[in-house]
Protein backbone atom coordinates (compact mmCIF):
# COMPACT_ATOMS: atom_id res chain seq x y z
CA UNK A 1 -128.66 -35.41 -78.20
CA UNK A 2 -126.85 -33.24 -75.71
CA UNK A 3 -127.04 -29.82 -74.25
CA UNK A 4 -124.11 -27.85 -72.91
CA UNK A 5 -124.21 -25.16 -70.14
CA UNK A 6 -121.01 -23.21 -69.29
CA UNK A 7 -120.44 -20.83 -66.27
CA UNK A 8 -120.66 -17.32 -67.90
CA UNK A 9 -122.84 -14.22 -68.11
CA UNK A 10 -124.91 -15.73 -70.75
CA UNK A 11 -127.07 -18.85 -70.86
CA UNK A 12 -127.37 -21.63 -73.34
CA UNK A 13 -130.55 -23.51 -73.81
CA UNK A 14 -132.66 -25.17 -76.44
CA UNK A 15 -135.02 -23.18 -78.53
CA UNK A 16 -138.38 -22.65 -76.75
CA UNK A 17 -137.15 -25.01 -74.09
CA UNK A 18 -138.47 -27.84 -76.20
CA UNK A 19 -136.25 -29.06 -78.83
CA UNK A 20 -136.10 -32.15 -80.78
CA UNK A 21 -133.69 -34.77 -79.83
CA UNK A 22 -130.26 -33.80 -80.96
CA UNK A 23 -131.02 -30.15 -80.90
CA UNK A 24 -128.77 -27.70 -79.21
CA UNK A 25 -127.61 -24.03 -79.36
CA UNK A 26 -124.06 -22.42 -79.09
CA UNK A 27 -122.87 -18.78 -79.30
CA UNK A 28 -119.18 -18.09 -80.15
CA UNK A 29 -117.21 -15.10 -78.94
CA UNK A 30 -115.43 -13.92 -82.02
CA UNK A 31 -117.98 -14.26 -84.85
CA UNK A 32 -119.64 -17.26 -86.14
CA UNK A 33 -118.74 -20.34 -88.02
CA UNK A 34 -120.98 -22.39 -90.24
CA UNK A 35 -120.01 -25.84 -90.94
CA UNK A 36 -121.87 -27.45 -93.82
CA UNK A 37 -119.77 -30.36 -94.73
CA UNK A 38 -122.07 -33.37 -94.84
CA UNK A 39 -124.65 -31.55 -92.60
CA UNK A 40 -127.57 -29.28 -92.68
CA UNK A 41 -127.95 -25.85 -90.89
CA UNK A 42 -129.97 -25.59 -87.75
CA UNK A 43 -130.94 -22.74 -85.46
CA UNK A 44 -129.67 -21.71 -81.97
CA UNK A 45 -130.64 -18.81 -79.70
CA UNK A 46 -128.96 -17.02 -76.83
CA UNK A 47 -131.04 -14.99 -74.30
CA UNK A 48 -128.51 -12.25 -73.57
CA UNK A 49 -126.92 -11.67 -76.96
CA UNK A 50 -128.30 -9.70 -79.89
CA UNK A 51 -126.53 -11.99 -82.16
CA UNK A 52 -126.89 -15.67 -82.21
CA UNK A 53 -125.16 -18.55 -83.86
CA UNK A 54 -126.62 -21.86 -84.71
CA UNK A 55 -125.85 -24.65 -86.93
CA UNK A 56 -126.54 -28.26 -87.53
CA UNK A 57 -124.57 -30.85 -89.31
CA UNK A 58 -125.02 -34.34 -90.36
CA UNK A 59 -122.33 -36.78 -90.22
CA UNK A 60 -122.18 -40.48 -90.79
CA UNK A 61 -123.86 -41.04 -87.49
CA UNK A 62 -126.80 -38.77 -88.18
CA UNK A 63 -128.11 -35.26 -87.81
CA UNK A 64 -127.02 -33.14 -84.90
CA UNK A 65 -128.11 -29.69 -83.79
CA UNK A 66 -126.15 -27.75 -81.15
CA UNK A 67 -126.17 -24.52 -79.23
CA UNK A 68 -124.04 -22.89 -76.56
CA UNK A 69 -123.33 -19.46 -74.97
CA UNK A 70 -119.91 -18.08 -74.01
CA UNK A 71 -119.01 -14.89 -72.00
CA UNK A 72 -118.20 -12.11 -74.61
CA UNK A 73 -119.25 -8.73 -75.76
CA UNK A 74 -120.13 -9.94 -79.20
CA UNK A 75 -122.92 -12.16 -80.54
CA UNK A 76 -123.75 -13.36 -83.90
CA UNK A 77 -127.22 -13.98 -85.62
CA UNK A 78 -127.80 -17.03 -87.49
CA UNK A 79 -126.77 -17.47 -90.96
CA UNK A 80 -130.20 -17.21 -92.40
CA UNK A 81 -131.10 -13.79 -90.88
CA UNK A 82 -127.64 -12.40 -91.59
CA UNK A 83 -128.32 -13.03 -95.22
CA UNK A 84 -131.71 -11.36 -95.13
CA UNK A 85 -130.67 -8.33 -93.01
CA UNK A 86 -127.26 -7.97 -94.52
CA UNK A 87 -123.95 -7.84 -92.52
CA UNK A 88 -123.92 -5.28 -89.64
CA UNK A 89 -120.82 -3.77 -88.01
CA UNK A 90 -120.46 -4.92 -84.47
CA UNK A 91 -120.77 -2.12 -81.90
CA UNK A 92 -120.63 -2.16 -78.12
CA UNK A 93 -120.56 0.13 -75.06
CA UNK A 94 -116.73 0.41 -75.18
CA UNK A 95 -116.85 1.92 -78.71
CA UNK A 96 -119.35 4.52 -77.39
CA UNK A 97 -116.91 5.73 -74.69
CA UNK A 98 -114.01 5.89 -77.20
CA UNK A 99 -116.11 8.09 -79.48
CA UNK A 100 -117.17 10.28 -76.54
CA UNK A 101 -113.52 10.75 -75.46
CA UNK A 102 -112.46 11.49 -79.04
CA UNK A 103 -115.19 14.10 -79.29
CA UNK A 104 -114.10 15.82 -76.05
CA UNK A 105 -110.50 15.75 -77.10
CA UNK A 106 -111.27 17.30 -80.40
CA UNK A 107 -113.26 19.96 -78.64
CA UNK A 108 -110.44 20.82 -76.34
CA UNK A 109 -107.95 20.87 -79.23
CA UNK A 110 -110.15 23.19 -81.18
CA UNK A 111 -110.58 25.54 -78.16
CA UNK A 112 -106.82 25.79 -77.55
CA UNK A 113 -106.13 26.63 -81.09
CA UNK A 114 -108.93 29.10 -81.23
CA UNK A 115 -107.66 30.89 -78.11
CA UNK A 116 -104.09 30.89 -79.35
CA UNK A 117 -105.23 32.44 -82.64
CA UNK A 118 -107.18 35.14 -80.82
CA UNK A 119 -104.05 35.99 -78.75
CA UNK A 120 -101.76 36.25 -81.79
CA UNK A 121 -104.25 38.47 -83.57
CA UNK A 122 -104.49 40.68 -80.52
CA UNK A 123 -100.67 40.88 -80.18
CA UNK A 124 -100.14 41.76 -83.83
CA UNK A 125 -102.88 44.46 -83.48
CA UNK A 126 -101.16 45.90 -80.49
CA UNK A 127 -97.79 46.01 -82.19
CA UNK A 128 -99.35 47.66 -85.23
CA UNK A 129 -100.94 50.31 -83.06
CA UNK A 130 -97.62 51.06 -81.26
CA UNK A 131 -95.81 51.08 -84.57
CA UNK A 132 -97.90 54.04 -85.56
CA UNK A 133 -96.71 56.10 -82.45
CA UNK A 134 -93.38 57.90 -82.53
CA UNK A 135 -90.58 56.39 -80.36
CA UNK A 136 -88.88 58.91 -77.99
CA UNK A 137 -85.44 58.16 -76.47
CA UNK A 138 -84.62 60.50 -73.67
CA UNK A 139 -80.89 61.36 -73.48
CA UNK A 140 -79.45 61.54 -69.99
CA UNK A 141 -76.90 64.08 -68.95
CA UNK A 142 -74.10 61.77 -67.62
CA UNK A 143 -72.18 64.60 -65.80
CA UNK A 144 -75.34 65.72 -64.02
CA UNK A 145 -76.15 62.16 -62.91
CA UNK A 146 -72.65 61.58 -61.73
CA UNK A 147 -72.62 64.84 -59.72
CA UNK A 148 -75.94 63.97 -58.19
CA UNK A 149 -74.77 60.42 -57.31
CA UNK A 150 -71.65 61.87 -55.62
CA UNK A 151 -73.68 64.22 -53.58
CA UNK A 152 -76.01 61.40 -52.44
CA UNK A 153 -72.98 59.29 -51.51
CA UNK A 154 -71.43 62.05 -49.54
CA UNK A 155 -74.71 62.65 -47.66
CA UNK A 156 -75.06 58.99 -47.00
CA UNK A 157 -71.53 58.71 -45.67
CA UNK A 158 -72.01 61.68 -43.42
CA UNK A 159 -75.21 60.24 -42.03
CA UNK A 160 -73.68 56.78 -41.51
CA UNK A 161 -70.62 58.18 -39.76
CA UNK A 162 -72.72 60.14 -37.25
CA UNK A 163 -74.44 58.30 -34.50
CA UNK A 164 -77.29 59.35 -32.37
CA UNK A 165 -74.80 60.29 -29.59
CA UNK A 166 -72.78 62.45 -31.96
CA UNK A 167 -69.83 60.07 -32.05
CA UNK A 168 -68.29 59.74 -35.53
CA UNK A 169 -67.63 56.39 -37.07
CA UNK A 170 -64.46 55.38 -38.76
CA UNK A 171 -63.73 56.32 -42.41
CA UNK A 172 -62.47 53.68 -44.85
CA UNK A 173 -58.89 54.16 -45.88
CA UNK A 174 -57.06 51.96 -48.24
CA UNK A 175 -53.32 51.83 -48.04
CA UNK A 176 -51.28 49.04 -49.59
CA UNK A 177 -47.60 48.65 -49.01
CA UNK A 178 -46.25 45.54 -50.65
CA UNK A 179 -43.11 46.38 -52.55
CA UNK A 180 -40.20 47.32 -50.25
CA UNK A 181 -37.45 46.46 -52.74
CA UNK A 182 -36.20 50.06 -52.97
CA UNK A 183 -35.99 50.36 -49.13
CA UNK A 184 -34.19 47.04 -48.78
CA UNK A 185 -31.65 47.74 -51.56
CA UNK A 186 -30.84 51.03 -49.94
CA UNK A 187 -30.48 49.77 -46.43
CA UNK A 188 -29.05 46.27 -46.74
CA UNK A 189 -25.44 47.49 -47.15
CA UNK A 190 -25.62 48.90 -43.69
CA UNK A 191 -26.53 45.58 -42.10
CA UNK A 192 -23.95 42.94 -41.13
CA UNK A 193 -23.99 39.38 -39.81
CA UNK A 194 -22.19 38.85 -36.41
CA UNK A 195 -20.66 35.46 -35.66
CA UNK A 196 -19.65 34.68 -32.13
CA UNK A 197 -17.15 31.97 -31.31
CA UNK A 198 -17.18 31.27 -27.50
CA UNK A 199 -16.39 28.68 -24.91
CA UNK A 200 -19.48 27.08 -23.31
CA UNK A 201 -19.06 25.75 -19.75
CA UNK A 202 -21.50 23.19 -18.49
CA UNK A 203 -21.81 21.62 -15.05
CA UNK A 204 -22.81 18.06 -14.42
CA UNK A 205 -23.11 16.78 -10.82
CA UNK A 206 -20.49 19.37 -9.68
CA UNK A 207 -18.12 18.73 -12.52
CA UNK A 208 -17.53 21.45 -15.11
CA UNK A 209 -17.02 20.67 -18.76
CA UNK A 210 -16.06 23.23 -21.44
CA UNK A 211 -16.72 23.06 -25.16
CA UNK A 212 -16.39 25.48 -28.15
CA UNK A 213 -19.59 26.77 -29.61
CA UNK A 214 -20.82 29.36 -32.20
CA UNK A 215 -23.72 31.76 -32.19
CA UNK A 216 -24.92 34.26 -34.80
CA UNK A 217 -26.68 37.52 -34.76
CA UNK A 218 -26.91 40.79 -36.67
CA UNK A 219 -25.51 44.33 -36.47
CA UNK A 220 -26.07 47.79 -37.86
CA UNK A 221 -23.28 50.05 -39.16
CA UNK A 222 -23.90 53.25 -37.13
CA UNK A 223 -20.68 55.25 -37.72
CA UNK A 224 -16.91 55.24 -38.07
CA UNK A 225 -13.88 57.11 -36.57
CA UNK A 226 -10.42 57.48 -37.96
CA UNK A 227 -9.50 53.91 -37.52
CA UNK A 228 -12.68 51.82 -36.89
CA UNK A 229 -16.00 51.00 -38.37
CA UNK A 230 -18.61 51.07 -35.49
CA UNK A 231 -21.43 48.55 -35.35
CA UNK A 232 -24.20 48.21 -32.79
CA UNK A 233 -25.70 44.91 -31.84
CA UNK A 234 -27.34 43.24 -28.89
CA UNK A 235 -25.25 42.45 -25.78
CA UNK A 236 -26.37 38.85 -25.61
CA UNK A 237 -25.08 38.40 -29.23
CA UNK A 238 -21.43 39.09 -28.25
CA UNK A 239 -21.63 37.73 -24.62
CA UNK A 240 -18.85 35.37 -23.52
CA UNK A 241 -17.16 35.86 -26.86
CA UNK A 242 -13.62 34.49 -27.57
CA UNK A 243 -13.63 35.75 -31.09
CA UNK A 244 -15.99 37.91 -33.20
CA UNK A 245 -16.26 38.07 -36.93
CA UNK A 246 -18.41 40.30 -39.10
CA UNK A 247 -19.69 39.54 -42.53
CA UNK A 248 -20.58 42.40 -44.83
CA UNK A 249 -23.23 42.73 -47.57
CA UNK A 250 -21.01 41.36 -50.39
CA UNK A 251 -19.78 38.36 -48.35
CA UNK A 252 -16.40 39.50 -47.11
CA UNK A 253 -15.43 38.97 -43.42
CA UNK A 254 -13.42 40.77 -40.86
CA UNK A 255 -12.58 40.29 -37.19
CA UNK A 256 -14.27 42.62 -34.74
CA UNK A 257 -13.49 43.81 -31.16
CA UNK A 258 -15.88 44.88 -28.33
CA UNK A 259 -15.95 48.66 -27.77
CA UNK A 260 -18.64 49.00 -25.16
CA UNK A 261 -21.55 47.12 -23.59
CA UNK A 262 -24.75 47.77 -21.66
CA UNK A 263 -26.25 44.54 -20.39
CA UNK A 264 -29.23 46.36 -18.80
CA UNK A 265 -30.37 47.54 -22.27
CA UNK A 266 -29.00 44.55 -24.12
CA UNK A 267 -26.81 46.82 -26.28
CA UNK A 268 -23.25 46.59 -27.34
CA UNK A 269 -21.00 48.42 -29.81
CA UNK A 270 -18.22 46.43 -31.68
CA UNK A 271 -15.51 47.77 -33.83
CA UNK A 272 -13.83 46.59 -36.95
CA UNK A 273 -10.41 48.15 -37.85
CA UNK A 274 -10.68 49.92 -41.14
CA UNK A 275 -7.39 48.67 -42.31
CA UNK A 276 -8.73 45.06 -42.17
CA UNK A 277 -11.67 45.85 -44.45
CA UNK A 278 -11.15 45.33 -48.22
CA UNK A 279 -11.33 48.46 -50.35
CA UNK A 280 -14.24 47.09 -52.49
CA UNK A 281 -16.10 46.36 -49.28
CA UNK A 282 -15.63 49.94 -48.17
CA UNK A 283 -17.27 51.13 -51.43
CA UNK A 284 -20.29 48.80 -50.96
CA UNK A 285 -21.12 49.43 -47.22
CA UNK A 286 -23.15 52.32 -45.95
CA UNK A 287 -23.79 53.94 -42.45
CA UNK A 288 -27.51 53.56 -41.58
CA UNK A 289 -29.79 56.50 -40.96
CA UNK A 290 -31.29 56.59 -37.47
CA UNK A 291 -34.95 57.59 -37.25
CA UNK A 292 -37.28 58.78 -34.52
CA UNK A 293 -39.20 56.01 -32.64
CA UNK A 294 -41.07 58.46 -30.55
CA UNK A 295 -43.12 59.51 -33.61
CA UNK A 296 -44.23 55.95 -34.46
CA UNK A 297 -47.94 55.19 -34.84
CA UNK A 298 -49.50 51.77 -34.35
CA UNK A 299 -50.36 50.12 -37.58
CA UNK A 300 -47.64 51.74 -39.75
CA UNK A 301 -45.49 49.43 -41.85
CA UNK A 302 -42.37 47.89 -40.39
CA UNK A 303 -39.50 46.08 -42.09
CA UNK A 304 -37.07 43.76 -40.23
CA UNK A 305 -33.64 42.91 -41.72
CA UNK A 306 -31.23 40.39 -40.10
CA UNK A 307 -29.13 37.30 -40.23
CA UNK A 308 -31.98 34.95 -39.52
CA UNK A 309 -30.86 31.57 -38.13
CA UNK A 310 -27.33 32.40 -39.36
CA UNK A 311 -28.21 31.69 -43.05
CA UNK A 312 -27.52 35.24 -44.15
CA UNK A 313 -29.40 38.43 -44.41
CA UNK A 314 -33.23 38.11 -44.89
CA UNK A 315 -36.23 40.49 -44.91
CA UNK A 316 -39.51 40.25 -43.20
CA UNK A 317 -42.33 42.73 -43.21
CA UNK A 318 -45.24 43.62 -40.90
CA UNK A 319 -46.58 46.55 -38.90
CA UNK A 320 -46.09 48.31 -35.72
CA UNK A 321 -48.30 46.22 -33.38
CA UNK A 322 -47.82 48.14 -30.17
CA UNK A 323 -45.62 50.75 -28.42
CA UNK A 324 -44.08 51.16 -25.03
CA UNK A 325 -44.30 47.39 -24.12
CA UNK A 326 -42.48 46.85 -20.76
CA UNK A 327 -40.81 43.55 -20.70
CA UNK A 328 -38.36 42.04 -18.20
CA UNK A 329 -34.78 41.66 -19.43
CA UNK A 330 -32.19 39.84 -17.26
CA UNK A 331 -34.29 40.29 -14.20
CA UNK A 332 -35.06 43.97 -14.72
CA UNK A 333 -37.52 46.06 -16.73
CA UNK A 334 -35.19 48.88 -17.91
CA UNK A 335 -36.95 50.60 -20.75
CA UNK A 336 -39.88 49.87 -23.00
CA UNK A 337 -39.95 48.16 -26.37
CA UNK A 338 -41.60 48.25 -29.79
CA UNK A 339 -43.83 45.34 -30.73
CA UNK A 340 -44.23 44.13 -34.30
CA UNK A 341 -45.55 41.16 -36.15
CA UNK A 342 -42.65 41.20 -38.52
CA UNK A 343 -40.81 37.94 -37.91
CA UNK A 344 -37.82 38.32 -35.67
CA UNK A 345 -36.17 34.91 -35.38
CA UNK A 346 -32.94 33.71 -33.74
CA UNK A 347 -30.17 35.41 -35.62
CA UNK A 348 -32.20 38.62 -36.20
CA UNK A 349 -31.05 39.96 -32.83
CA UNK A 350 -29.08 43.18 -33.31
CA UNK A 351 -30.61 43.76 -36.78
CA UNK A 352 -32.65 46.74 -37.92
CA UNK A 353 -36.27 47.49 -37.63
CA UNK A 354 -37.07 50.10 -40.36
CA UNK A 355 -39.90 52.41 -41.29
CA UNK A 356 -41.11 52.76 -44.84
CA UNK A 357 -38.61 55.48 -45.46
CA UNK A 358 -35.65 53.12 -44.62
CA UNK A 359 -34.79 54.77 -41.30
CA UNK A 360 -33.81 52.66 -38.29
CA UNK A 361 -36.54 52.92 -35.79
CA UNK A 362 -35.47 49.91 -33.57
CA UNK A 363 -32.87 47.38 -32.80
CA UNK A 364 -34.39 43.94 -33.02
CA UNK A 365 -33.94 41.56 -30.04
CA UNK A 366 -35.07 37.94 -30.15
CA UNK A 367 -34.15 37.51 -26.52
CA UNK A 368 -36.99 39.87 -25.44
CA UNK A 369 -39.79 37.92 -26.99
CA UNK A 370 -38.14 34.54 -26.76
CA UNK A 371 -39.36 31.38 -28.50
CA UNK A 372 -42.64 30.95 -26.54
CA UNK A 373 -44.48 33.62 -28.60
CA UNK A 374 -45.43 33.76 -32.33
CA UNK A 375 -46.18 36.87 -34.26
CA UNK A 376 -44.88 39.06 -31.56
CA UNK A 377 -41.33 40.51 -32.14
CA UNK A 378 -39.80 43.24 -30.05
CA UNK A 379 -37.22 45.94 -30.81
CA UNK A 380 -35.33 48.46 -28.64
CA UNK A 381 -36.68 51.88 -29.64
CA UNK A 382 -33.89 53.81 -31.38
CA UNK A 383 -34.80 57.05 -29.62
CA UNK A 384 -34.03 55.29 -26.27
CA UNK A 385 -30.96 53.48 -27.59
CA UNK A 386 -29.26 56.44 -29.33
CA UNK A 387 -27.79 58.14 -26.23
CA UNK A 388 -26.45 54.73 -25.02
CA UNK A 389 -24.97 53.93 -28.43
CA UNK A 390 -23.29 57.33 -28.61
CA UNK A 391 -21.71 56.75 -25.20
CA UNK A 392 -20.53 53.21 -26.03
CA UNK A 393 -18.99 54.49 -29.33
CA UNK A 394 -16.59 56.62 -27.27
CA UNK A 395 -15.26 53.89 -25.16
CA UNK A 396 -11.90 52.25 -25.67
CA UNK A 397 -11.87 49.22 -27.80
CA UNK A 398 -11.14 46.08 -25.91
CA UNK A 399 -9.91 42.61 -26.72
CA UNK A 400 -9.74 39.60 -24.46
CA UNK A 401 -6.39 39.03 -22.69
CA UNK A 402 -4.92 35.55 -22.35
CA UNK A 403 -5.67 33.98 -19.10
CA UNK A 404 -1.95 34.00 -17.78
CA UNK A 405 -1.92 37.80 -18.58
CA UNK A 406 -5.19 38.87 -16.98
CA UNK A 407 -5.35 41.15 -13.92
CA UNK A 408 -7.29 40.29 -10.72
CA UNK A 409 -9.36 42.46 -8.40
CA UNK A 410 -9.01 40.30 -5.21
CA UNK A 411 -12.58 39.94 -3.98
CA UNK A 412 -15.35 37.33 -3.65
CA UNK A 413 -18.74 38.69 -4.43
CA UNK A 414 -22.53 37.93 -4.45
CA UNK A 415 -24.95 39.16 -7.09
CA UNK A 416 -27.53 41.60 -5.85
CA UNK A 417 -30.53 40.72 -7.87
CA UNK A 418 -33.69 42.95 -8.34
CA UNK A 419 -35.58 40.63 -5.82
CA UNK A 420 -32.83 40.96 -3.21
CA UNK A 421 -32.57 44.73 -3.87
CA UNK A 422 -36.27 45.19 -3.23
CA UNK A 423 -36.36 42.92 -0.23
CA UNK A 424 -33.37 44.53 1.68
CA UNK A 425 -33.25 48.00 0.17
CA UNK A 426 -29.82 47.37 -1.32
CA UNK A 427 -28.57 48.74 -4.68
CA UNK A 428 -28.22 46.23 -7.57
CA UNK A 429 -24.76 45.07 -8.34
CA UNK A 430 -22.04 42.91 -6.77
CA UNK A 431 -21.98 42.71 -2.99
CA UNK A 432 -18.36 42.32 -1.73
CA UNK A 433 -18.54 39.39 0.66
CA UNK A 434 -14.77 39.26 1.27
CA UNK A 435 -11.60 41.40 0.38
CA UNK A 436 -8.38 39.46 0.17
CA UNK A 437 -5.26 40.92 1.64
CA UNK A 438 -2.50 42.29 -0.52
CA UNK A 439 -4.78 42.60 -3.58
CA UNK A 440 -5.83 45.48 -5.82
CA UNK A 441 -9.10 45.73 -3.94
CA UNK A 442 -7.55 45.93 -0.48
CA UNK A 443 -5.01 48.50 -1.64
CA UNK A 444 -7.75 50.63 -3.15
CA UNK A 445 -9.71 50.68 0.11
CA UNK A 446 -12.65 48.48 -0.89
CA UNK A 447 -14.27 46.72 2.09
CA UNK A 448 -16.79 44.07 2.87
CA UNK A 449 -20.33 45.35 2.39
CA UNK A 450 -19.53 47.63 -0.57
CA UNK A 451 -21.56 47.14 -3.66
CA UNK A 452 -19.84 47.39 -7.03
CA UNK A 453 -22.05 49.28 -9.48
CA UNK A 454 -19.62 50.06 -12.43
CA UNK A 455 -16.31 48.76 -13.65
CA UNK A 456 -14.26 51.18 -15.74
CA UNK A 457 -17.45 52.81 -17.09
CA UNK A 458 -19.52 49.63 -17.78
CA UNK A 459 -22.61 48.82 -15.69
CA UNK A 460 -22.30 45.75 -13.42
CA UNK A 461 -25.39 43.97 -12.24
CA UNK A 462 -23.99 40.50 -11.33
CA UNK A 463 -20.80 38.77 -10.39
CA UNK A 464 -20.79 37.05 -13.86
CA UNK A 465 -20.74 40.42 -15.57
CA UNK A 466 -17.81 41.61 -13.40
CA UNK A 467 -15.83 38.37 -14.26
CA UNK A 468 -16.51 39.01 -17.97
CA UNK A 469 -15.24 42.62 -17.74
CA UNK A 470 -12.04 41.44 -16.09
CA UNK A 471 -11.28 39.17 -19.07
CA UNK A 472 -10.33 42.36 -21.18
CA UNK A 473 -7.73 43.77 -18.64
CA UNK A 474 -4.19 42.74 -18.01
CA UNK A 475 -2.08 42.79 -14.87
CA UNK A 476 -1.01 46.44 -14.22
CA UNK A 477 -3.99 48.07 -15.95
CA UNK A 478 -5.59 50.89 -14.02
CA UNK A 479 -9.37 51.04 -13.89
CA UNK A 480 -12.12 53.08 -12.23
CA UNK A 481 -14.53 51.27 -9.95
CA UNK A 482 -17.79 52.80 -8.76
CA UNK A 483 -19.25 51.41 -5.49
CA UNK A 484 -22.10 52.07 -3.07
CA UNK A 485 -20.69 52.13 0.42
CA UNK A 486 -22.63 51.90 3.69
CA UNK A 487 -22.54 55.00 6.00
CA UNK A 488 -24.61 56.16 8.95
CA UNK A 489 -26.80 57.97 6.48
CA UNK A 490 -27.28 54.90 4.22
CA UNK A 491 -25.65 54.02 0.99
CA UNK A 492 -23.34 56.66 -0.57
CA UNK A 493 -21.58 56.54 -4.03
CA UNK A 494 -17.80 56.44 -4.32
CA UNK A 495 -15.37 56.01 -7.11
CA UNK A 496 -11.84 54.55 -6.64
CA UNK A 497 -8.96 54.04 -8.92
CA UNK A 498 -7.11 50.72 -8.65
CA UNK A 499 -4.37 48.89 -10.42
CA UNK A 500 -5.07 45.26 -11.20
CA UNK A 501 -2.71 42.69 -9.75
CA UNK A 502 -1.89 38.99 -9.73
CA UNK A 503 -4.25 36.26 -8.96
CA UNK A 504 -4.48 35.27 -5.32
CA UNK A 505 -2.66 31.99 -4.73
């Protein structure tokens, strides 16, 4: 006989605590089993299970009864009672909660569908009611609305443009200027490229070295006389020239000569003999129309045409950025200039600054702005340049004379710069430091202390300019020289005629 006890929520014990030897009790978790092979059934009980399982069997060793309890939610009655009461479906607390949850779910499901059904019925009823009413579409008078909107916009604009202090605000103005092809095609034949072949002299540790060099610029055809085509450019474009050539719009070239120069205004007029210009070129080129720079307004369009970097004619556009800009040129500030954001690069100097009508309103000068600035180009106002150009056009055309043929003045001089002029109260020009005997200067009566202001009608501001002027005159040529001479009453102007002579040995 044996009795089994296992650690679980249920207990296993013999029936009525007094059992015959070999009697036991066992409860299984998942149903019951009844073994009857070579044994007889017994009975077992479990205290905590509504269902019990019991059995006895008899083997070869004898008859045994057993009983045990395991932790589970299901119990089984003994075989004898199951037969009398019939089989019952197992039920537990877990099934109860499942049924409760299912009931709640069904209730919610029913409620949702019921509410949805009521909403649909109500919506259909409302649509039916509205369907019975006539639909009225009001037609709007488009013209009346547009007029009313325009009146409101005007009123709002007036109110916005008037501040509390009575100062009006700016109106919005839209002006687009993008296509300048017509202007360019009309003006381009009056623009030329100017190429300067000159000798460059450099000094290294007191030793001078000379080499040939080339520079490029631009020019504007401003007129012609019986024998010459006249072109205005910048003075610094043709400075120190040995040979000038001009390239016209269709690509042909011709040699040019200097007619007149004004270093103070950075202006020069050069001339091309008409007989050296091809007939087809004469049919292509045009004389530019000069405008009025005094009527310019800041912000109006500007077009710059010139021989940029020596590559040929090119066009840039911009606006008039500022007027009356005073900028120092060659140590002086003679005149005011137009500022523009149209690109004016090296090679553009001497080219045209145009208005939208194609009129020349300025002569571009890269030297004024220099390379240290960007987006700031400058031009000489045409209204200020026109009188000077007209005067230079009337001068005698000059060409350089060979060194052995050149005439000499017979002085040594010192430049009177603006700083020296202001410090000592002296006129700007060339101070005569010494007059050599038996020279053109001594014969004309020039003396030490005199200051040369003009040489044969061209302004002189430095000894270098005077030397460049003398390159165009041969021995025996007669010139007029304007000087300021010192008297008891201060400096007085005097003009003398002199005939150039030989170089002092």
